[in-house]
């Protein structure tokens, strides 16, 4: 979403997944480069705003954390409202958190736009010796559900920036494509007597494949 022409883009991105998979630490590592070993479930709504630049435009991402609500299965539709990106997080060392991913995806589909950019995130890849979820199984789920996929460690910062930035950049790309296909944009082209316009940049069809990360520490 964009407030006004000439204003910065402001995108809402949500973090979802079972309790204690490391969502809050992923957010604090990305936003403040902090990690809290003994972090407790946050009470209330928590979000951080991060700025970055794509194509000379400043993008602001407002990243929301479920803040402990998932323990009570009380994540409401208001939490998802307006979200254009989502990170669905599980803990690679606790299989049951991976088995919950389907439920979180169903909830996301129920309460958000069908075009929301979604990434499956296997967190705590520093716990390789305790792994209960094979990376191949996660890849298969991501491919079946048409999700981006990455493994991260909030503890040592592995792939944390990549996880958020891939989602935010893909949201921006989607918004740019939508703007290029809008009636107002096409009318402007006609008024300028443009005779041939490519609405999709060269190589754009491969964007998702190029951005998709099958990575781990």
N, C-alpha and C. Protein backbone atom coordinates (compact mmCIF):
# COMPACT_ATOMS: atom_id res chain seq x y z
N UNK A 1 0.83 -1.19 0.00
CA UNK A 1 0.00 0.00 0.00
C UNK A 1 0.87 1.24 0.00
N UNK A 2 0.34 2.32 -0.59
CA UNK A 2 1.10 3.55 -0.70
C UNK A 2 0.18 4.69 -0.30
N UNK A 3 0.66 5.59 0.55
CA UNK A 3 -0.20 6.63 1.09
C UNK A 3 -0.62 7.62 0.00
N UNK A 4 0.31 8.30 -0.62
CA UNK A 4 0.05 9.28 -1.65
C UNK A 4 1.17 9.22 -2.66
N UNK A 5 0.89 9.68 -3.92
CA UNK A 5 1.97 9.76 -4.89
C UNK A 5 3.09 10.62 -4.32
N UNK A 6 4.30 10.16 -4.44
CA UNK A 6 5.42 10.92 -3.92
C UNK A 6 5.77 10.56 -2.49
N UNK A 7 4.87 9.87 -1.80
CA UNK A 7 5.14 9.43 -0.43
C UNK A 7 5.88 8.10 -0.48
N UNK A 8 6.51 7.73 0.63
CA UNK A 8 7.17 6.44 0.73
C UNK A 8 6.14 5.32 0.67
N UNK A 9 6.58 4.15 0.23
CA UNK A 9 5.75 2.96 0.34
C UNK A 9 5.77 2.50 1.79
N UNK A 10 4.64 2.04 2.29
CA UNK A 10 4.56 1.47 3.63
C UNK A 10 3.91 0.10 3.52
N UNK A 11 4.65 -0.94 3.81
CA UNK A 11 4.16 -2.30 3.70
C UNK A 11 4.03 -2.93 5.08
N UNK A 12 2.92 -3.63 5.30
CA UNK A 12 2.73 -4.37 6.54
C UNK A 12 3.09 -5.83 6.32
N UNK A 13 3.99 -6.34 7.15
CA UNK A 13 4.44 -7.73 7.09
C UNK A 13 4.17 -8.38 8.44
N UNK A 14 3.61 -9.58 8.45
CA UNK A 14 3.29 -10.24 9.72
C UNK A 14 4.15 -11.48 9.92
N UNK A 15 4.46 -11.74 11.18
CA UNK A 15 5.15 -12.96 11.60
C UNK A 15 4.15 -13.88 12.27
N UNK A 16 4.05 -15.11 11.79
CA UNK A 16 3.12 -16.06 12.40
C UNK A 16 3.82 -17.40 12.59
N UNK A 17 3.25 -18.23 13.45
CA UNK A 17 3.84 -19.53 13.77
C UNK A 17 3.62 -19.83 15.24
N UNK A 18 3.91 -21.06 15.63
CA UNK A 18 3.69 -21.48 17.01
C UNK A 18 4.52 -20.66 18.00
N UNK A 19 4.12 -20.74 19.25
CA UNK A 19 4.85 -20.05 20.31
C UNK A 19 6.26 -20.61 20.45
N UNK A 20 7.20 -19.72 20.75
CA UNK A 20 8.60 -20.09 21.06
C UNK A 20 9.39 -20.63 19.87
N UNK A 21 8.96 -20.31 18.65
CA UNK A 21 9.77 -20.70 17.48
C UNK A 21 10.82 -19.64 17.17
N UNK A 22 10.76 -18.50 17.86
CA UNK A 22 11.78 -17.47 17.69
C UNK A 22 11.35 -16.28 16.87
N UNK A 23 10.05 -16.04 16.75
CA UNK A 23 9.56 -14.92 15.94
C UNK A 23 10.05 -13.58 16.48
N UNK A 24 9.92 -13.39 17.79
CA UNK A 24 10.32 -12.10 18.38
C UNK A 24 11.82 -11.87 18.24
N UNK A 25 12.61 -12.93 18.38
CA UNK A 25 14.05 -12.78 18.21
C UNK A 25 14.44 -12.55 16.75
N UNK A 26 13.70 -13.12 15.82
CA UNK A 26 13.95 -12.81 14.41
C UNK A 26 13.72 -11.33 14.15
N UNK A 27 12.63 -10.81 14.71
CA UNK A 27 12.32 -9.40 14.52
C UNK A 27 13.36 -8.50 15.19
N UNK A 28 13.76 -8.83 16.42
CA UNK A 28 14.73 -7.98 17.11
C UNK A 28 16.10 -8.07 16.46
N UNK A 29 16.44 -9.25 15.92
CA UNK A 29 17.72 -9.38 15.22
C UNK A 29 17.71 -8.54 13.94
N UNK A 30 16.60 -8.57 13.23
CA UNK A 30 16.52 -7.80 11.98
C UNK A 30 16.44 -6.29 12.24
N UNK A 31 15.61 -5.90 13.18
CA UNK A 31 15.36 -4.47 13.39
C UNK A 31 16.44 -3.79 14.21
N UNK A 32 17.01 -4.51 15.20
CA UNK A 32 17.95 -3.86 16.12
C UNK A 32 19.27 -4.61 16.27
N UNK A 33 19.40 -5.72 15.52
CA UNK A 33 20.57 -6.59 15.64
C UNK A 33 20.79 -7.03 17.08
N UNK A 34 19.69 -7.43 17.72
CA UNK A 34 19.73 -7.90 19.10
C UNK A 34 19.17 -9.31 19.19
N UNK A 35 19.65 -10.05 20.17
CA UNK A 35 19.12 -11.39 20.45
C UNK A 35 19.04 -11.54 21.96
N UNK A 36 17.90 -12.04 22.44
CA UNK A 36 17.69 -12.19 23.88
C UNK A 36 17.51 -13.68 24.19
N UNK A 37 18.52 -14.26 24.79
CA UNK A 37 18.52 -15.71 25.04
C UNK A 37 17.33 -16.14 25.89
N UNK A 38 16.96 -15.32 26.87
CA UNK A 38 15.88 -15.69 27.78
C UNK A 38 14.63 -14.83 27.55
N UNK A 39 14.36 -14.55 26.29
CA UNK A 39 13.19 -13.70 25.99
C UNK A 39 11.90 -14.41 26.39
N UNK A 40 10.97 -13.62 26.87
CA UNK A 40 9.67 -14.14 27.28
C UNK A 40 8.60 -13.66 26.29
N UNK A 41 7.49 -14.37 26.28
CA UNK A 41 6.41 -14.00 25.37
C UNK A 41 5.96 -12.57 25.67
N UNK A 42 5.85 -11.78 24.63
CA UNK A 42 5.44 -10.39 24.78
C UNK A 42 3.92 -10.33 24.93
N UNK A 43 3.48 -9.43 25.78
CA UNK A 43 2.04 -9.23 25.96
C UNK A 43 1.65 -7.96 25.21
N UNK A 44 0.65 -8.06 24.36
CA UNK A 44 0.22 -6.91 23.59
C UNK A 44 0.74 -6.97 22.16
N UNK A 45 0.55 -5.88 21.44
CA UNK A 45 0.94 -5.81 20.03
C UNK A 45 2.35 -5.25 19.93
N UNK A 46 3.18 -5.89 19.12
CA UNK A 46 4.54 -5.39 18.94
C UNK A 46 4.84 -5.31 17.45
N UNK A 47 5.39 -4.18 17.03
CA UNK A 47 5.86 -4.11 15.65
C UNK A 47 7.05 -3.17 15.57
N UNK A 48 7.84 -3.35 14.53
CA UNK A 48 9.00 -2.51 14.25
C UNK A 48 8.88 -2.01 12.82
N UNK A 49 9.37 -0.80 12.59
CA UNK A 49 9.37 -0.25 11.23
C UNK A 49 10.81 -0.14 10.75
N UNK A 50 11.07 -0.74 9.60
CA UNK A 50 12.39 -0.70 8.98
C UNK A 50 12.31 -0.02 7.62
N UNK A 51 13.34 0.75 7.29
CA UNK A 51 13.38 1.45 6.00
C UNK A 51 14.48 0.87 5.13
N UNK A 52 14.23 0.86 3.82
CA UNK A 52 15.22 0.42 2.85
C UNK A 52 14.91 1.11 1.53
N UNK A 53 15.78 0.95 0.56
CA UNK A 53 15.59 1.62 -0.71
C UNK A 53 15.66 0.63 -1.87
N UNK A 54 14.65 0.70 -2.75
CA UNK A 54 14.64 -0.07 -3.98
C UNK A 54 14.36 0.88 -5.12
N UNK A 55 15.10 0.78 -6.21
CA UNK A 55 14.87 1.60 -7.40
C UNK A 55 14.77 3.08 -7.07
N UNK A 56 15.56 3.54 -6.10
CA UNK A 56 15.56 4.95 -5.75
C UNK A 56 14.38 5.38 -4.91
N UNK A 57 13.53 4.43 -4.49
CA UNK A 57 12.36 4.75 -3.66
C UNK A 57 12.58 4.20 -2.26
N UNK A 58 12.17 4.99 -1.26
CA UNK A 58 12.30 4.52 0.12
C UNK A 58 11.09 3.67 0.48
N UNK A 59 11.38 2.48 0.95
CA UNK A 59 10.34 1.53 1.36
C UNK A 59 10.37 1.41 2.87
N UNK A 60 9.21 1.52 3.49
CA UNK A 60 9.11 1.30 4.93
C UNK A 60 8.28 0.04 5.17
N UNK A 61 8.86 -0.87 5.93
CA UNK A 61 8.17 -2.11 6.25
C UNK A 61 7.79 -2.08 7.73
N UNK A 62 6.51 -2.23 7.99
CA UNK A 62 6.01 -2.30 9.37
C UNK A 62 5.81 -3.79 9.67
N UNK A 63 6.68 -4.34 10.51
CA UNK A 63 6.69 -5.79 10.75
C UNK A 63 6.05 -6.09 12.09
N UNK A 64 4.98 -6.89 12.06
CA UNK A 64 4.18 -7.18 13.24
C UNK A 64 4.50 -8.58 13.78
N UNK A 65 4.60 -8.66 15.10
CA UNK A 65 4.82 -9.94 15.79
C UNK A 65 3.53 -10.29 16.53
N UNK A 66 3.20 -11.58 16.54
CA UNK A 66 1.95 -12.01 17.20
C UNK A 66 1.97 -11.77 18.70
N UNK A 67 3.15 -11.53 19.26
CA UNK A 67 3.27 -11.10 20.66
C UNK A 67 2.61 -12.03 21.65
N UNK A 68 2.79 -13.33 21.47
CA UNK A 68 2.31 -14.28 22.45
C UNK A 68 0.88 -14.74 22.25
N UNK A 69 0.12 -14.07 21.36
CA UNK A 69 -1.29 -14.45 21.20
C UNK A 69 -1.46 -15.87 20.69
N UNK A 70 -0.45 -16.35 19.94
CA UNK A 70 -0.60 -17.68 19.33
C UNK A 70 -0.70 -18.78 20.38
N UNK A 71 -0.23 -18.52 21.60
CA UNK A 71 -0.35 -19.52 22.67
C UNK A 71 -1.80 -19.81 22.99
N UNK A 72 -2.66 -18.81 22.76
CA UNK A 72 -4.07 -18.94 23.11
C UNK A 72 -4.95 -19.10 21.86
N UNK A 73 -4.27 -19.31 20.70
CA UNK A 73 -4.99 -19.42 19.43
C UNK A 73 -5.92 -18.22 19.24
N UNK A 74 -5.42 -17.04 19.63
CA UNK A 74 -6.27 -15.85 19.62
C UNK A 74 -5.78 -14.80 18.62
N UNK A 75 -5.03 -15.23 17.60
CA UNK A 75 -4.60 -14.29 16.58
C UNK A 75 -5.84 -13.92 15.77
N UNK A 76 -6.20 -12.65 15.78
CA UNK A 76 -7.46 -12.23 15.19
C UNK A 76 -7.29 -11.74 13.76
N UNK A 77 -8.42 -11.57 13.09
CA UNK A 77 -8.39 -11.09 11.71
C UNK A 77 -7.79 -9.70 11.63
N UNK A 78 -7.91 -8.90 12.70
CA UNK A 78 -7.36 -7.55 12.70
C UNK A 78 -5.84 -7.57 12.56
N UNK A 79 -5.22 -8.62 13.09
CA UNK A 79 -3.76 -8.74 13.01
C UNK A 79 -3.31 -8.85 11.55
N UNK A 80 -4.09 -9.55 10.74
CA UNK A 80 -3.73 -9.78 9.34
C UNK A 80 -4.16 -8.63 8.43
N UNK A 81 -5.07 -7.80 8.89
CA UNK A 81 -5.67 -6.78 8.02
C UNK A 81 -4.61 -5.87 7.42
N UNK A 82 -4.61 -5.77 6.10
CA UNK A 82 -3.69 -4.88 5.40
C UNK A 82 -2.31 -5.47 5.16
N UNK A 83 -2.08 -6.70 5.62
CA UNK A 83 -0.76 -7.31 5.43
C UNK A 83 -0.54 -7.67 3.97
N UNK A 84 0.65 -7.37 3.46
CA UNK A 84 1.00 -7.72 2.08
C UNK A 84 2.15 -8.73 2.05
N UNK A 85 2.71 -9.05 3.22
CA UNK A 85 3.77 -10.03 3.31
C UNK A 85 3.65 -10.79 4.62
N UNK A 86 4.13 -12.05 4.62
CA UNK A 86 4.05 -12.87 5.83
C UNK A 86 5.24 -13.83 5.89
N UNK A 87 5.76 -14.01 7.10
CA UNK A 87 6.77 -15.03 7.36
C UNK A 87 6.14 -16.06 8.29
N UNK A 88 6.04 -17.30 7.81
CA UNK A 88 5.47 -18.39 8.60
C UNK A 88 6.65 -19.17 9.19
N UNK A 89 6.80 -19.08 10.50
CA UNK A 89 8.02 -19.56 11.16
C UNK A 89 7.77 -20.86 11.93
N UNK A 90 8.72 -21.79 11.79
CA UNK A 90 8.72 -23.00 12.62
C UNK A 90 10.14 -23.21 13.14
N UNK A 91 10.29 -24.10 14.10
CA UNK A 91 11.58 -24.41 14.73
C UNK A 91 12.05 -25.75 14.17
N UNK A 92 13.22 -25.77 13.51
CA UNK A 92 13.69 -27.01 12.88
C UNK A 92 13.95 -28.12 13.89
N UNK A 93 14.08 -27.77 15.17
CA UNK A 93 14.36 -28.77 16.20
C UNK A 93 13.11 -29.28 16.91
N UNK A 94 11.94 -28.75 16.51
CA UNK A 94 10.67 -29.21 17.11
C UNK A 94 9.67 -29.49 15.99
N UNK A 95 9.51 -30.75 15.67
CA UNK A 95 8.71 -31.14 14.51
C UNK A 95 7.26 -30.67 14.60
N UNK A 96 6.70 -30.67 15.78
CA UNK A 96 5.29 -30.29 15.90
C UNK A 96 5.05 -28.85 15.43
N UNK A 97 6.07 -27.98 15.53
CA UNK A 97 5.90 -26.60 15.05
C UNK A 97 5.83 -26.55 13.53
N UNK A 98 6.51 -27.50 12.88
CA UNK A 98 6.44 -27.62 11.42
C UNK A 98 5.08 -28.19 11.01
N UNK A 99 4.58 -29.13 11.79
CA UNK A 99 3.28 -29.73 11.49
C UNK A 99 2.14 -28.72 11.64
N UNK A 100 2.39 -27.63 12.37
CA UNK A 100 1.37 -26.59 12.54
C UNK A 100 1.34 -25.60 11.37
N UNK A 101 2.33 -25.67 10.49
CA UNK A 101 2.44 -24.70 9.40
C UNK A 101 1.17 -24.68 8.54
N UNK A 102 0.61 -25.85 8.26
CA UNK A 102 -0.60 -25.92 7.45
C UNK A 102 -1.74 -25.12 8.04
N UNK A 103 -1.89 -25.20 9.37
CA UNK A 103 -2.96 -24.45 10.04
C UNK A 103 -2.71 -22.95 9.92
N UNK A 104 -1.44 -22.54 10.08
CA UNK A 104 -1.13 -21.12 9.96
C UNK A 104 -1.36 -20.62 8.53
N UNK A 105 -1.05 -21.46 7.56
CA UNK A 105 -1.29 -21.06 6.17
C UNK A 105 -2.78 -20.93 5.90
N UNK A 106 -3.57 -21.85 6.46
CA UNK A 106 -5.03 -21.76 6.29
C UNK A 106 -5.57 -20.47 6.90
N UNK A 107 -5.06 -20.13 8.09
CA UNK A 107 -5.51 -18.91 8.75
C UNK A 107 -5.11 -17.68 7.94
N UNK A 108 -3.91 -17.71 7.40
CA UNK A 108 -3.43 -16.61 6.58
C UNK A 108 -4.31 -16.42 5.35
N UNK A 109 -4.66 -17.53 4.70
CA UNK A 109 -5.51 -17.47 3.50
C UNK A 109 -6.90 -16.95 3.85
N UNK A 110 -7.38 -17.30 5.04
CA UNK A 110 -8.72 -16.90 5.45
C UNK A 110 -8.81 -15.39 5.72
N UNK A 111 -7.75 -14.82 6.27
CA UNK A 111 -7.83 -13.44 6.75
C UNK A 111 -7.05 -12.42 5.92
N UNK A 112 -6.33 -12.86 4.89
CA UNK A 112 -5.51 -11.91 4.14
C UNK A 112 -5.77 -12.01 2.65
N UNK A 113 -5.18 -11.10 1.91
CA UNK A 113 -5.33 -11.07 0.46
C UNK A 113 -4.67 -12.30 -0.15
N UNK A 114 -5.29 -12.83 -1.20
CA UNK A 114 -4.78 -14.06 -1.80
C UNK A 114 -3.39 -13.86 -2.43
N UNK A 115 -3.03 -12.61 -2.71
CA UNK A 115 -1.74 -12.34 -3.33
C UNK A 115 -0.64 -12.00 -2.33
N UNK A 116 -0.88 -12.23 -1.06
CA UNK A 116 0.12 -11.92 -0.04
C UNK A 116 1.39 -12.71 -0.31
N UNK A 117 2.54 -12.06 -0.20
CA UNK A 117 3.84 -12.71 -0.40
C UNK A 117 4.19 -13.47 0.88
N UNK A 118 4.41 -14.77 0.75
CA UNK A 118 4.60 -15.61 1.94
C UNK A 118 5.91 -16.39 1.86
N UNK A 119 6.64 -16.38 2.97
CA UNK A 119 7.88 -17.14 3.07
C UNK A 119 7.79 -18.12 4.23
N UNK A 120 8.18 -19.37 3.98
CA UNK A 120 8.30 -20.38 5.02
C UNK A 120 9.70 -20.25 5.61
N UNK A 121 9.77 -20.11 6.94
CA UNK A 121 11.06 -19.87 7.61
C UNK A 121 11.31 -20.96 8.64
N UNK A 122 12.37 -21.73 8.41
CA UNK A 122 12.81 -22.72 9.38
C UNK A 122 13.85 -22.07 10.28
N UNK A 123 13.44 -21.68 11.47
CA UNK A 123 14.34 -20.96 12.37
C UNK A 123 15.15 -21.94 13.25
N UNK A 124 16.19 -21.41 13.85
CA UNK A 124 17.09 -22.12 14.77
C UNK A 124 17.94 -23.16 14.03
N UNK A 125 18.42 -22.81 12.83
CA UNK A 125 19.26 -23.75 12.09
C UNK A 125 20.62 -23.93 12.74
N UNK A 126 20.91 -23.15 13.80
CA UNK A 126 22.13 -23.39 14.58
C UNK A 126 22.02 -24.67 15.40
N UNK A 127 20.78 -25.20 15.54
CA UNK A 127 20.56 -26.44 16.29
C UNK A 127 20.55 -27.65 15.37
N UNK A 128 21.49 -27.71 14.45
CA UNK A 128 21.53 -28.77 13.44
C UNK A 128 21.56 -30.16 14.07
N UNK A 129 22.28 -30.31 15.16
CA UNK A 129 22.38 -31.63 15.79
C UNK A 129 21.06 -32.09 16.41
N UNK A 130 20.14 -31.15 16.61
CA UNK A 130 18.82 -31.47 17.18
C UNK A 130 17.72 -31.44 16.13
N UNK A 131 18.10 -31.32 14.86
CA UNK A 131 17.13 -31.18 13.77
C UNK A 131 16.11 -32.31 13.76
N UNK A 132 14.82 -31.94 13.68
CA UNK A 132 13.74 -32.92 13.54
C UNK A 132 12.99 -32.75 12.22
N UNK A 133 13.29 -31.65 11.50
CA UNK A 133 12.60 -31.38 10.22
C UNK A 133 13.65 -31.35 9.11
N UNK A 134 13.70 -32.38 8.27
CA UNK A 134 14.67 -32.39 7.17
C UNK A 134 14.41 -31.23 6.21
N UNK A 135 15.49 -30.63 5.71
CA UNK A 135 15.34 -29.48 4.83
C UNK A 135 14.60 -29.86 3.55
N UNK A 136 14.77 -31.09 3.09
CA UNK A 136 14.08 -31.54 1.87
C UNK A 136 12.57 -31.52 2.06
N UNK A 137 12.11 -31.86 3.25
CA UNK A 137 10.67 -31.87 3.54
C UNK A 137 10.12 -30.45 3.53
N UNK A 138 10.89 -29.53 4.06
CA UNK A 138 10.47 -28.12 4.05
C UNK A 138 10.44 -27.57 2.63
N UNK A 139 11.45 -27.92 1.84
CA UNK A 139 11.47 -27.49 0.43
C UNK A 139 10.24 -27.99 -0.31
N UNK A 140 9.89 -29.25 -0.07
CA UNK A 140 8.73 -29.85 -0.75
C UNK A 140 7.45 -29.12 -0.39
N UNK A 141 7.29 -28.78 0.89
CA UNK A 141 6.10 -28.05 1.32
C UNK A 141 6.06 -26.67 0.67
N UNK A 142 7.20 -25.99 0.68
CA UNK A 142 7.27 -24.65 0.08
C UNK A 142 6.91 -24.69 -1.40
N UNK A 143 7.42 -25.70 -2.11
CA UNK A 143 7.12 -25.82 -3.53
C UNK A 143 5.64 -26.12 -3.76
N UNK A 144 5.08 -27.00 -2.94
CA UNK A 144 3.67 -27.37 -3.08
C UNK A 144 2.75 -26.19 -2.82
N UNK A 145 3.12 -25.34 -1.86
CA UNK A 145 2.28 -24.20 -1.48
C UNK A 145 2.70 -22.91 -2.20
N UNK A 146 3.72 -23.01 -3.07
CA UNK A 146 4.22 -21.84 -3.82
C UNK A 146 4.71 -20.74 -2.88
N UNK A 147 5.54 -21.14 -1.93
CA UNK A 147 6.09 -20.21 -0.95
C UNK A 147 7.58 -20.02 -1.21
N UNK A 148 8.11 -18.88 -0.80
CA UNK A 148 9.55 -18.76 -0.67
C UNK A 148 9.96 -19.58 0.55
N UNK A 149 11.23 -19.96 0.61
CA UNK A 149 11.69 -20.76 1.73
C UNK A 149 13.12 -20.39 2.09
N UNK A 150 13.39 -20.36 3.40
CA UNK A 150 14.74 -20.10 3.89
C UNK A 150 14.87 -20.66 5.30
N UNK A 151 16.08 -21.05 5.68
CA UNK A 151 16.35 -21.41 7.06
C UNK A 151 17.19 -20.30 7.68
N UNK A 152 16.90 -20.01 8.94
CA UNK A 152 17.54 -18.88 9.62
C UNK A 152 18.02 -19.28 11.01
N UNK A 153 18.84 -18.41 11.56
CA UNK A 153 19.18 -18.49 12.99
C UNK A 153 19.18 -17.08 13.54
N UNK A 154 18.23 -16.79 14.41
CA UNK A 154 18.23 -15.48 15.06
C UNK A 154 19.41 -15.38 16.01
N UNK A 155 19.87 -16.52 16.53
CA UNK A 155 20.99 -16.53 17.47
C UNK A 155 22.27 -15.98 16.82
N UNK A 156 22.62 -16.51 15.64
CA UNK A 156 23.86 -16.06 15.00
C UNK A 156 23.62 -15.23 13.74
N UNK A 157 22.37 -14.83 13.53
CA UNK A 157 21.98 -13.91 12.45
C UNK A 157 22.02 -14.54 11.06
N UNK A 158 22.14 -15.85 10.94
CA UNK A 158 22.17 -16.49 9.64
C UNK A 158 20.88 -16.23 8.86
N UNK A 159 21.00 -15.63 7.70
CA UNK A 159 19.90 -15.42 6.74
C UNK A 159 18.74 -14.57 7.25
N UNK A 160 18.88 -13.94 8.40
CA UNK A 160 17.76 -13.17 8.95
C UNK A 160 17.43 -11.97 8.06
N UNK A 161 18.42 -11.18 7.71
CA UNK A 161 18.18 -10.03 6.83
C UNK A 161 17.61 -10.49 5.49
N UNK A 162 18.16 -11.57 4.94
CA UNK A 162 17.68 -12.08 3.66
C UNK A 162 16.20 -12.43 3.72
N UNK A 163 15.78 -13.09 4.80
CA UNK A 163 14.39 -13.53 4.92
C UNK A 163 13.43 -12.35 4.79
N UNK A 164 13.68 -11.29 5.55
CA UNK A 164 12.79 -10.13 5.51
C UNK A 164 12.91 -9.37 4.19
N UNK A 165 14.13 -9.19 3.72
CA UNK A 165 14.32 -8.36 2.54
C UNK A 165 13.80 -9.02 1.26
N UNK A 166 13.89 -10.34 1.17
CA UNK A 166 13.31 -11.04 0.01
C UNK A 166 11.81 -10.81 -0.04
N UNK A 167 11.14 -10.95 1.11
CA UNK A 167 9.69 -10.74 1.15
C UNK A 167 9.34 -9.30 0.78
N UNK A 168 10.04 -8.35 1.38
CA UNK A 168 9.72 -6.94 1.15
C UNK A 168 9.99 -6.54 -0.30
N UNK A 169 11.09 -7.05 -0.86
CA UNK A 169 11.39 -6.72 -2.26
C UNK A 169 10.36 -7.32 -3.20
N UNK A 170 9.91 -8.55 -2.92
CA UNK A 170 8.89 -9.16 -3.77
C UNK A 170 7.56 -8.42 -3.67
N UNK A 171 7.22 -7.93 -2.46
CA UNK A 171 6.01 -7.10 -2.31
C UNK A 171 6.14 -5.85 -3.18
N UNK A 172 7.30 -5.21 -3.10
CA UNK A 172 7.54 -4.02 -3.92
C UNK A 172 7.44 -4.34 -5.41
N UNK A 173 8.02 -5.46 -5.83
CA UNK A 173 7.93 -5.86 -7.24
C UNK A 173 6.48 -6.06 -7.66
N UNK A 174 5.69 -6.71 -6.79
CA UNK A 174 4.28 -6.92 -7.09
C UNK A 174 3.53 -5.61 -7.22
N UNK A 175 3.81 -4.68 -6.31
CA UNK A 175 3.16 -3.37 -6.36
C UNK A 175 3.55 -2.63 -7.64
N UNK A 176 4.81 -2.74 -8.03
CA UNK A 176 5.28 -2.08 -9.25
C UNK A 176 4.59 -2.65 -10.47
N UNK A 177 4.45 -3.98 -10.51
CA UNK A 177 3.76 -4.60 -11.64
C UNK A 177 2.30 -4.18 -11.69
N UNK A 178 1.68 -4.10 -10.51
CA UNK A 178 0.27 -3.69 -10.44
C UNK A 178 0.11 -2.26 -10.95
N UNK A 179 1.06 -1.38 -10.56
CA UNK A 179 1.01 0.01 -11.01
C UNK A 179 1.17 0.09 -12.52
N UNK A 180 2.07 -0.72 -13.07
CA UNK A 180 2.30 -0.72 -14.52
C UNK A 180 1.06 -1.17 -15.29
N UNK A 181 0.26 -2.02 -14.67
CA UNK A 181 -0.93 -2.53 -15.34
C UNK A 181 -2.20 -1.74 -15.02
N UNK A 182 -2.08 -0.68 -14.23
CA UNK A 182 -3.25 0.09 -13.84
C UNK A 182 -3.78 0.91 -15.01
N UNK A 183 -5.07 1.19 -14.98
CA UNK A 183 -5.70 1.98 -16.05
C UNK A 183 -5.10 3.38 -16.12
N UNK A 184 -4.79 3.97 -14.94
CA UNK A 184 -4.25 5.33 -14.95
C UNK A 184 -2.88 5.36 -15.61
N UNK A 185 -2.08 4.30 -15.39
CA UNK A 185 -0.76 4.25 -15.99
C UNK A 185 -0.88 4.07 -17.50
N UNK A 186 -1.79 3.21 -17.91
CA UNK A 186 -1.98 2.98 -19.35
C UNK A 186 -2.50 4.25 -20.04
N UNK A 187 -3.40 4.97 -19.35
CA UNK A 187 -3.91 6.22 -19.92
C UNK A 187 -2.80 7.24 -20.09
N UNK A 188 -1.90 7.28 -19.10
CA UNK A 188 -0.78 8.21 -19.19
C UNK A 188 0.11 7.86 -20.36
N UNK A 189 0.31 6.56 -20.60
CA UNK A 189 1.12 6.15 -21.74
C UNK A 189 0.47 6.56 -23.05
N UNK A 190 -0.84 6.40 -23.14
CA UNK A 190 -1.56 6.77 -24.36
C UNK A 190 -1.49 8.27 -24.60
N UNK A 191 -1.58 9.04 -23.51
CA UNK A 191 -1.52 10.50 -23.67
C UNK A 191 -0.14 10.94 -24.14
N UNK A 192 0.86 10.12 -23.84
CA UNK A 192 2.22 10.42 -24.30
C UNK A 192 2.51 9.81 -25.67
N UNK A 193 1.47 9.18 -26.25
CA UNK A 193 1.56 8.59 -27.59
C UNK A 193 2.63 7.50 -27.66
N UNK A 194 2.75 6.75 -26.60
CA UNK A 194 3.66 5.62 -26.63
C UNK A 194 3.05 4.54 -27.51
N UNK A 195 3.87 3.94 -28.35
CA UNK A 195 3.34 2.95 -29.28
C UNK A 195 3.60 1.52 -28.84
N UNK A 196 4.61 1.32 -28.03
CA UNK A 196 4.91 -0.04 -27.58
C UNK A 196 5.48 0.02 -26.18
N UNK A 197 4.85 -0.73 -25.28
CA UNK A 197 5.29 -0.72 -23.88
C UNK A 197 5.39 -2.15 -23.39
N UNK A 198 6.49 -2.48 -22.74
CA UNK A 198 6.63 -3.77 -22.09
C UNK A 198 6.27 -3.60 -20.63
N UNK A 199 5.14 -4.20 -20.22
CA UNK A 199 4.69 -4.03 -18.85
C UNK A 199 5.45 -4.92 -17.88
N UNK A 200 6.18 -5.89 -18.40
CA UNK A 200 6.96 -6.77 -17.54
C UNK A 200 8.41 -6.66 -17.94
N UNK A 201 9.28 -6.18 -17.03
CA UNK A 201 10.70 -6.04 -17.35
C UNK A 201 11.30 -7.37 -17.78
N UNK A 202 12.33 -7.32 -18.60
CA UNK A 202 13.00 -8.53 -19.06
C UNK A 202 13.47 -9.36 -17.87
N UNK A 203 13.17 -10.67 -17.91
CA UNK A 203 13.61 -11.56 -16.84
C UNK A 203 12.70 -11.54 -15.63
N UNK A 204 11.64 -10.71 -15.64
CA UNK A 204 10.82 -10.59 -14.44
C UNK A 204 10.09 -11.86 -14.10
N UNK A 205 9.77 -12.65 -15.14
CA UNK A 205 9.05 -13.89 -14.89
C UNK A 205 9.86 -14.84 -14.03
N UNK A 206 11.16 -14.67 -14.01
CA UNK A 206 12.01 -15.56 -13.23
C UNK A 206 12.28 -15.03 -11.83
N UNK A 207 11.64 -13.91 -11.48
CA UNK A 207 11.95 -13.26 -10.20
C UNK A 207 11.81 -14.21 -9.02
N UNK A 208 10.69 -14.93 -8.95
CA UNK A 208 10.45 -15.76 -7.77
C UNK A 208 11.47 -16.89 -7.68
N UNK A 209 11.81 -17.47 -8.84
CA UNK A 209 12.80 -18.54 -8.83
C UNK A 209 14.15 -18.03 -8.37
N UNK A 210 14.51 -16.82 -8.85
CA UNK A 210 15.81 -16.27 -8.51
C UNK A 210 15.88 -15.92 -7.02
N UNK A 211 14.77 -15.42 -6.46
CA UNK A 211 14.79 -14.98 -5.08
C UNK A 211 14.64 -16.13 -4.09
N UNK A 212 14.02 -17.24 -4.58
CA UNK A 212 13.74 -18.33 -3.66
C UNK A 212 15.05 -18.88 -3.10
N UNK A 213 15.11 -19.01 -1.77
CA UNK A 213 16.34 -19.43 -1.12
C UNK A 213 16.12 -20.78 -0.44
N UNK A 214 16.93 -21.75 -0.79
CA UNK A 214 16.95 -23.00 -0.06
C UNK A 214 18.25 -23.00 0.73
N UNK A 215 18.27 -22.24 1.80
CA UNK A 215 19.53 -21.99 2.48
C UNK A 215 19.47 -22.43 3.93
N UNK A 216 20.61 -22.71 4.45
CA UNK A 216 20.71 -23.07 5.85
C UNK A 216 22.11 -22.74 6.31
N UNK A 217 22.29 -22.70 7.62
CA UNK A 217 23.64 -22.41 8.12
C UNK A 217 24.48 -23.63 7.90
